[in-house]
C-alpha cells in the first residue's frame, strides 16, 4: 500500500472518531442517559414523547396501504434471517478459534433499544425490532465475512466494487504477488488482536 493511501486511511480513521464524538455530543443534548442496556430520558422528554404517540387505530387509519399489503412479505424474511444468523454464528463459533481470529461480538451489532421510545406504539416498536435485527445482523455478518476475507484472501478486486467493508482498503493491491506472499501471515496475525 502506498504512502498516500495509508495517509488517507489514517485521516478517515480520525474523521470517523470525530463523527462518533459529534454524534455522541448530539445524543447528550437529547436529554437521555444510557445505563447498562437501559436508556433513560428526562421526565419532561418522556412526557413530550407520550404526546406524539399514535394509538393503534389512528396509526392503522393513517398508515399507507402498501405497508399493510407488503407486511407478510417483509415479515416472511424472519425465518431466513434467523437461519442465516444461526449458521454464520455457528461458523464463527467453530472456526474462528481454529484460525486464531477474534470473534465478532453479536451484541455490538444487534441492538434492541428503540422499544424504549415512548412516542412509538406497539406496532411501530415491533417494526423497529425487525429492522434492528435485520440491519444489525447484516452488519454482524459483514464483519465476520470481512475477517474471513482478511484471513484467506486480503486482496482488492481489479474492478471497482461498491459497499466494501472497513478492512477492504487496507488489503493488498490486485496483482501484488510479492506482497501476498510476504504479508499474508501479517494479515492473519492481526486478526487475533482485533478488539
C-alpha atoms as a PDB file:
ATOM      1  CA  UNK A   1       0.000   0.000   0.000  1.00  0.00           C
ATOM      2  CA  UNK A   2       1.466   3.357  -0.943  1.00  0.00           C
ATOM      3  CA  UNK A   3       2.019   6.228   1.486  1.00  0.00           C
ATOM      4  CA  UNK A   4      -0.797   8.361   0.068  1.00  0.00           C
ATOM      5  CA  UNK A   5      -3.377   5.609   0.646  1.00  0.00           C
ATOM      6  CA  UNK A   6      -2.002   4.996   4.147  1.00  0.00           C
ATOM      7  CA  UNK A   7      -2.278   8.724   4.895  1.00  0.00           C
ATOM      8  CA  UNK A   8      -5.869   8.900   3.590  1.00  0.00           C
ATOM      9  CA  UNK A   9      -6.860   5.851   5.649  1.00  0.00           C
ATOM     10  CA  UNK A  10      -5.385   7.473   8.757  1.00  0.00           C
ATOM     11  CA  UNK A  11      -7.342  10.672   8.009  1.00  0.00           C
ATOM     12  CA  UNK A  12     -10.514   8.601   7.565  1.00  0.00           C
ATOM     13  CA  UNK A  13      -9.943   6.954  10.960  1.00  0.00           C
ATOM     14  CA  UNK A  14      -9.584  10.390  12.578  1.00  0.00           C
ATOM     15  CA  UNK A  15     -12.748  11.628  10.815  1.00  0.00           C
ATOM     16  CA  UNK A  16     -14.673   8.514  11.932  1.00  0.00           C
ATOM     17  CA  UNK A  17     -13.606   9.209  15.532  1.00  0.00           C
ATOM     18  CA  UNK A  18     -14.679  12.857  15.130  1.00  0.00           C
ATOM     19  CA  UNK A  19     -18.035  11.727  13.724  1.00  0.00           C
ATOM     20  CA  UNK A  20     -18.589   9.327  16.631  1.00  0.00           C
ATOM     21  CA  UNK A  21     -17.792  12.141  19.081  1.00  0.00           C
ATOM     22  CA  UNK A  22     -20.131  14.583  17.306  1.00  0.00           C
ATOM     23  CA  UNK A  23     -22.966  12.038  17.276  1.00  0.00           C
ATOM     24  CA  UNK A  24     -22.379  11.293  20.957  1.00  0.00           C
ATOM     25  CA  UNK A  25     -22.397  15.026  21.731  1.00  0.00           C
ATOM     26  CA  UNK A  26     -25.674  15.448  19.851  1.00  0.00           C
ATOM     27  CA  UNK A  27     -27.156  12.478  21.706  1.00  0.00           C
ATOM     28  CA  UNK A  28     -26.209  14.046  25.023  1.00  0.00           C
ATOM     29  CA  UNK A  29     -28.331  17.057  24.040  1.00  0.00           C
ATOM     30  CA  UNK A  30     -31.331  14.770  23.541  1.00  0.00           C
ATOM     31  CA  UNK A  31     -31.661  14.515  27.330  1.00  0.00           C
ATOM     32  CA  UNK A  32     -31.098  10.813  27.770  1.00  0.00           C
ATOM     33  CA  UNK A  33     -28.552   8.679  29.540  1.00  0.00           C
ATOM     34  CA  UNK A  34     -27.550   5.113  28.855  1.00  0.00           C
ATOM     35  CA  UNK A  35     -27.498   2.975  31.978  1.00  0.00           C
ATOM     36  CA  UNK A  36     -26.396  -0.512  31.008  1.00  0.00           C
ATOM     37  CA  UNK A  37     -28.884  -1.646  28.375  1.00  0.00           C
ATOM     38  CA  UNK A  38     -31.495   0.831  29.545  1.00  0.00           C
ATOM     39  CA  UNK A  39     -31.956   4.270  28.008  1.00  0.00           C
ATOM     40  CA  UNK A  40     -33.449   6.831  30.365  1.00  0.00           C
ATOM     41  CA  UNK A  41     -34.947  10.114  29.210  1.00  0.00           C
ATOM     42  CA  UNK A  42     -35.595  13.084  31.459  1.00  0.00           C
ATOM     43  CA  UNK A  43     -39.152  13.229  32.830  1.00  0.00           C
ATOM     44  CA  UNK A  44     -40.174  16.188  30.630  1.00  0.00           C
ATOM     45  CA  UNK A  45     -38.901  14.431  27.495  1.00  0.00           C
ATOM     46  CA  UNK A  46     -40.816  11.240  28.386  1.00  0.00           C
ATOM     47  CA  UNK A  47     -43.977  13.318  28.774  1.00  0.00           C
ATOM     48  CA  UNK A  48     -43.411  15.015  25.408  1.00  0.00           C
ATOM     49  CA  UNK A  49     -42.832  11.638  23.749  1.00  0.00           C
ATOM     50  CA  UNK A  50     -46.150  10.301  25.066  1.00  0.00           C
ATOM     51  CA  UNK A  51     -47.949  13.246  23.431  1.00  0.00           C
ATOM     52  CA  UNK A  52     -46.604  12.204  19.987  1.00  0.00           C
ATOM     53  CA  UNK A  53     -47.596   8.547  20.340  1.00  0.00           C
ATOM     54  CA  UNK A  54     -50.353   7.473  17.924  1.00  0.00           C
ATOM     55  CA  UNK A  55     -52.834   4.947  19.235  1.00  0.00           C
ATOM     56  CA  UNK A  56     -53.220   1.781  17.210  1.00  0.00           C
ATOM     57  CA  UNK A  57     -56.444   2.742  15.410  1.00  0.00           C
ATOM     58  CA  UNK A  58     -55.212   6.197  14.414  1.00  0.00           C
ATOM     59  CA  UNK A  59     -51.961   4.617  13.233  1.00  0.00           C
ATOM     60  CA  UNK A  60     -53.877   1.974  11.232  1.00  0.00           C
ATOM     61  CA  UNK A  61     -56.074   4.577   9.501  1.00  0.00           C
ATOM     62  CA  UNK A  62     -53.174   6.913   8.662  1.00  0.00           C
ATOM     63  CA  UNK A  63     -50.760   4.170   7.624  1.00  0.00           C
ATOM     64  CA  UNK A  64     -50.032   3.704   3.941  1.00  0.00           C
ATOM     65  CA  UNK A  65     -51.998   0.781   2.447  1.00  0.00           C
ATOM     66  CA  UNK A  66     -48.930  -0.600   0.646  1.00  0.00           C
ATOM     67  CA  UNK A  67     -47.214  -1.019   4.025  1.00  0.00           C
ATOM     68  CA  UNK A  68     -50.037  -3.244   5.236  1.00  0.00           C
ATOM     69  CA  UNK A  69     -50.195  -5.217   1.988  1.00  0.00           C
ATOM     70  CA  UNK A  70     -46.460  -5.958   1.858  1.00  0.00           C
ATOM     71  CA  UNK A  71     -46.187  -6.722   5.592  1.00  0.00           C
ATOM     72  CA  UNK A  72     -46.463 -10.526   5.184  1.00  0.00           C
ATOM     73  CA  UNK A  73     -43.686 -10.488   2.568  1.00  0.00           C
ATOM     74  CA  UNK A  74     -41.403  -8.411   4.761  1.00  0.00           C
ATOM     75  CA  UNK A  75     -42.008 -10.476   7.882  1.00  0.00           C
ATOM     76  CA  UNK A  76     -41.707 -13.669   5.868  1.00  0.00           C
ATOM     77  CA  UNK A  77     -37.975 -12.923   5.846  1.00  0.00           C
ATOM     78  CA  UNK A  78     -37.705 -13.518   9.611  1.00  0.00           C
ATOM     79  CA  UNK A  79     -37.107 -17.268   9.280  1.00  0.00           C
ATOM     80  CA  UNK A  80     -34.372 -16.970   6.607  1.00  0.00           C
ATOM     81  CA  UNK A  81     -32.701 -14.215   8.653  1.00  0.00           C
ATOM     82  CA  UNK A  82     -32.764 -16.370  11.788  1.00  0.00           C
ATOM     83  CA  UNK A  83     -31.321 -19.345   9.893  1.00  0.00           C
ATOM     84  CA  UNK A  84     -28.598 -17.144   8.449  1.00  0.00           C
ATOM     85  CA  UNK A  85     -27.860 -15.813  11.941  1.00  0.00           C
ATOM     86  CA  UNK A  86     -27.594 -19.358  13.303  1.00  0.00           C
ATOM     87  CA  UNK A  87     -25.280 -20.642  10.571  1.00  0.00           C
ATOM     88  CA  UNK A  88     -22.996 -17.592  10.480  1.00  0.00           C
ATOM     89  CA  UNK A  89     -22.746 -17.615  14.283  1.00  0.00           C
ATOM     90  CA  UNK A  90     -22.016 -21.344  14.261  1.00  0.00           C
ATOM     91  CA  UNK A  91     -19.339 -20.841  11.604  1.00  0.00           C
ATOM     92  CA  UNK A  92     -17.667 -18.119  13.655  1.00  0.00           C
ATOM     93  CA  UNK A  93     -18.015 -20.061  16.920  1.00  0.00           C
ATOM     94  CA  UNK A  94     -16.486 -23.205  15.438  1.00  0.00           C
ATOM     95  CA  UNK A  95     -13.863 -21.859  13.004  1.00  0.00           C
ATOM     96  CA  UNK A  96     -12.548 -18.552  14.345  1.00  0.00           C
ATOM     97  CA  UNK A  97     -10.793 -20.152  17.356  1.00  0.00           C
ATOM     98  CA  UNK A  98      -9.039 -22.578  14.985  1.00  0.00           C
ATOM     99  CA  UNK A  99      -7.817 -19.700  12.798  1.00  0.00           C
ATOM    100  CA  UNK A 100      -6.882 -17.518  15.772  1.00  0.00           C
ATOM    101  CA  UNK A 101      -9.411 -14.835  14.765  1.00  0.00           C
ATOM    102  CA  UNK A 102     -11.056 -12.774  17.499  1.00  0.00           C
ATOM    103  CA  UNK A 103     -14.810 -13.418  17.443  1.00  0.00           C
ATOM    104  CA  UNK A 104     -17.239 -10.679  16.485  1.00  0.00           C
ATOM    105  CA  UNK A 105     -19.480  -9.635  19.372  1.00  0.00           C
ATOM    106  CA  UNK A 106     -23.060 -10.058  18.188  1.00  0.00           C
ATOM    107  CA  UNK A 107     -24.302  -7.562  20.808  1.00  0.00           C
ATOM    108  CA  UNK A 108     -22.211  -4.810  19.203  1.00  0.00           C
ATOM    109  CA  UNK A 109     -24.326  -5.080  16.048  1.00  0.00           C
ATOM    110  CA  UNK A 110     -27.785  -6.287  17.040  1.00  0.00           C
ATOM    111  CA  UNK A 111     -29.223  -3.743  19.466  1.00  0.00           C
ATOM    112  CA  UNK A 112     -32.846  -3.523  20.580  1.00  0.00           C
ATOM    113  CA  UNK A 113     -33.237  -0.123  22.234  1.00  0.00           C
ATOM    114  CA  UNK A 114     -35.950   1.544  20.174  1.00  0.00           C
ATOM    115  CA  UNK A 115     -38.606  -0.200  22.277  1.00  0.00           C
ATOM    116  CA  UNK A 116     -37.786   2.345  24.984  1.00  0.00           C
ATOM    117  CA  UNK A 117     -39.050   5.241  22.858  1.00  0.00           C
ATOM    118  CA  UNK A 118     -42.321   6.499  24.311  1.00  0.00           C
ATOM    119  CA  UNK A 119     -43.567   8.011  21.044  1.00  0.00           C
ATOM    120  CA  UNK A 120     -43.790   4.628  19.291  1.00  0.00           C
ATOM    121  CA  UNK A 121     -46.889   2.446  19.613  1.00  0.00           C
ATOM    122  CA  UNK A 122     -46.601  -1.341  19.931  1.00  0.00           C
ATOM    123  CA  UNK A 123     -46.800  -1.939  16.159  1.00  0.00           C
ATOM    124  CA  UNK A 124     -44.067   0.621  15.457  1.00  0.00           C
ATOM    125  CA  UNK A 125     -41.925  -0.949  18.182  1.00  0.00           C
ATOM    126  CA  UNK A 126     -42.491  -4.346  16.566  1.00  0.00           C
ATOM    127  CA  UNK A 127     -41.345  -2.922  13.212  1.00  0.00           C
ATOM    128  CA  UNK A 128     -38.287  -1.420  14.902  1.00  0.00           C
ATOM    129  CA  UNK A 129     -37.424  -4.800  16.398  1.00  0.00           C
ATOM    130  CA  UNK A 130     -37.489  -6.396  12.952  1.00  0.00           C
ATOM    131  CA  UNK A 131     -35.371  -3.645  11.393  1.00  0.00           C
ATOM    132  CA  UNK A 132     -32.870  -3.584  14.261  1.00  0.00           C
ATOM    133  CA  UNK A 133     -32.475  -7.345  13.959  1.00  0.00           C
ATOM    134  CA  UNK A 134     -32.176  -7.414  10.153  1.00  0.00           C
ATOM    135  CA  UNK A 135     -29.841  -4.426   9.790  1.00  0.00           C
ATOM    136  CA  UNK A 136     -27.808  -5.456  12.832  1.00  0.00           C
ATOM    137  CA  UNK A 137     -27.498  -9.000  11.509  1.00  0.00           C
ATOM    138  CA  UNK A 138     -26.167  -7.700   8.186  1.00  0.00           C
ATOM    139  CA  UNK A 139     -23.527  -5.613   9.996  1.00  0.00           C
ATOM    140  CA  UNK A 140     -22.597  -8.597  12.187  1.00  0.00           C
ATOM    141  CA  UNK A 141     -22.277 -10.877   9.164  1.00  0.00           C
ATOM    142  CA  UNK A 142     -20.347  -8.230   7.243  1.00  0.00           C
ATOM    143  CA  UNK A 143     -17.704  -8.089   9.974  1.00  0.00           C
ATOM    144  CA  UNK A 144     -17.493 -11.899  10.204  1.00  0.00           C
ATOM    145  CA  UNK A 145     -17.053 -12.111   6.443  1.00  0.00           C
ATOM    146  CA  UNK A 146     -14.554  -9.220   6.444  1.00  0.00           C
ATOM    147  CA  UNK A 147     -12.402 -11.058   8.998  1.00  0.00           C
ATOM    148  CA  UNK A 148     -12.719 -14.260   6.988  1.00  0.00           C
ATOM    149  CA  UNK A 149     -11.664 -12.450   3.818  1.00  0.00           C
ATOM    150  CA  UNK A 150      -8.723 -10.863   5.627  1.00  0.00           C
ATOM    151  CA  UNK A 151      -7.611 -14.306   6.791  1.00  0.00           C
ATOM    152  CA  UNK A 152      -7.907 -16.122   3.458  1.00  0.00           C
ATOM    153  CA  UNK A 153      -7.632 -13.529   0.709  1.00  0.00           C
ATOM    154  CA  UNK A 154      -6.791  -9.951   1.734  1.00  0.00           C
ATOM    155  CA  UNK A 155      -6.595  -8.831  -1.903  1.00  0.00           C
ATOM    156  CA  UNK A 156      -8.501  -5.977  -3.510  1.00  0.00           C
ATOM    157  CA  UNK A 157     -10.500  -6.644  -6.669  1.00  0.00           C
ATOM    158  CA  UNK A 158      -9.400  -5.440 -10.077  1.00  0.00           C
ATOM    159  CA  UNK A 159     -12.867  -3.986 -10.665  1.00  0.00           C
ATOM    160  CA  UNK A 160     -14.231  -1.209  -8.503  1.00  0.00           C
ATOM    161  CA  UNK A 161     -16.882  -2.517  -6.135  1.00  0.00           C
ATOM    162  CA  UNK A 162     -19.440  -0.649  -4.054  1.00  0.00           C
ATOM    163  CA  UNK A 163     -20.135  -1.217  -0.385  1.00  0.00           C
ATOM    164  CA  UNK A 164     -16.778  -2.514   0.734  1.00  0.00           C
ATOM    165  CA  UNK A 165     -16.237  -3.371   4.386  1.00  0.00           C
ATOM    166  CA  UNK A 166     -13.972  -1.389   6.710  1.00  0.00           C
ATOM    167  CA  UNK A 167     -10.967  -3.700   6.206  1.00  0.00           C
ATOM    168  CA  UNK A 168     -11.005  -3.757   2.409  1.00  0.00           C
ATOM    169  CA  UNK A 169      -8.980  -0.574   1.721  1.00  0.00           C
ATOM    170  CA  UNK A 170      -6.063  -1.949   3.734  1.00  0.00           C
ATOM    171  CA  UNK A 171      -5.927  -5.137   1.651  1.00  0.00           C
ATOM    172  CA  UNK A 172      -3.179  -5.838  -0.869  1.00  0.00           C
ATOM    173  CA  UNK A 173      -3.412  -4.402  -4.341  1.00  0.00           C
ATOM    174  CA  UNK A 174      -4.723  -6.642  -7.075  1.00  0.00           C
ATOM    175  CA  UNK A 175      -1.804  -8.401  -8.740  1.00  0.00           C
ATOM    176  CA  UNK A 176       0.674  -7.822  -5.872  1.00  0.00           C
ATOM    177  CA  UNK A 177       2.042 -11.384  -5.779  1.00  0.00           C
ATOM    178  CA  UNK A 178       5.147 -10.478  -3.771  1.00  0.00           C
ATOM    179  CA  UNK A 179       3.067  -8.596  -1.188  1.00  0.00           C
ATOM    180  CA  UNK A 180       0.663 -11.505  -0.875  1.00  0.00           C
ATOM    181  CA  UNK A 181       3.475 -13.951  -0.237  1.00  0.00           C
ATOM    182  CA  UNK A 182       5.259 -11.607   2.171  1.00  0.00           C
ATOM    183  CA  UNK A 183       2.307 -10.216   4.123  1.00  0.00           C
ATOM    184  CA  UNK A 184      -0.428 -12.870   4.263  1.00  0.00           C
ATOM    185  CA  UNK A 185       0.692 -14.080   7.697  1.00  0.00           C
ATOM    186  CA  UNK A 186       0.807 -10.475   8.956  1.00  0.00           C
ATOM    187  CA  UNK A 187      -2.853 -10.012   7.947  1.00  0.00           C
ATOM    188  CA  UNK A 188      -3.765 -13.249   9.706  1.00  0.00           C
ATOM    189  CA  UNK A 189      -1.944 -12.439  12.927  1.00  0.00           C
ATOM    190  CA  UNK A 190      -3.604  -9.032  13.109  1.00  0.00           C
ATOM    191  CA  UNK A 191      -6.979 -10.772  13.391  1.00  0.00           C
ATOM    192  CA  UNK A 192      -6.028 -12.203  16.770  1.00  0.00           C
ATOM    193  CA  UNK A 193      -5.565  -8.684  18.099  1.00  0.00           C
ATOM    194  CA  UNK A 194      -8.908  -7.243  16.955  1.00  0.00           C
ATOM    195  CA  UNK A 195     -10.842  -5.610  19.761  1.00  0.00           C
END
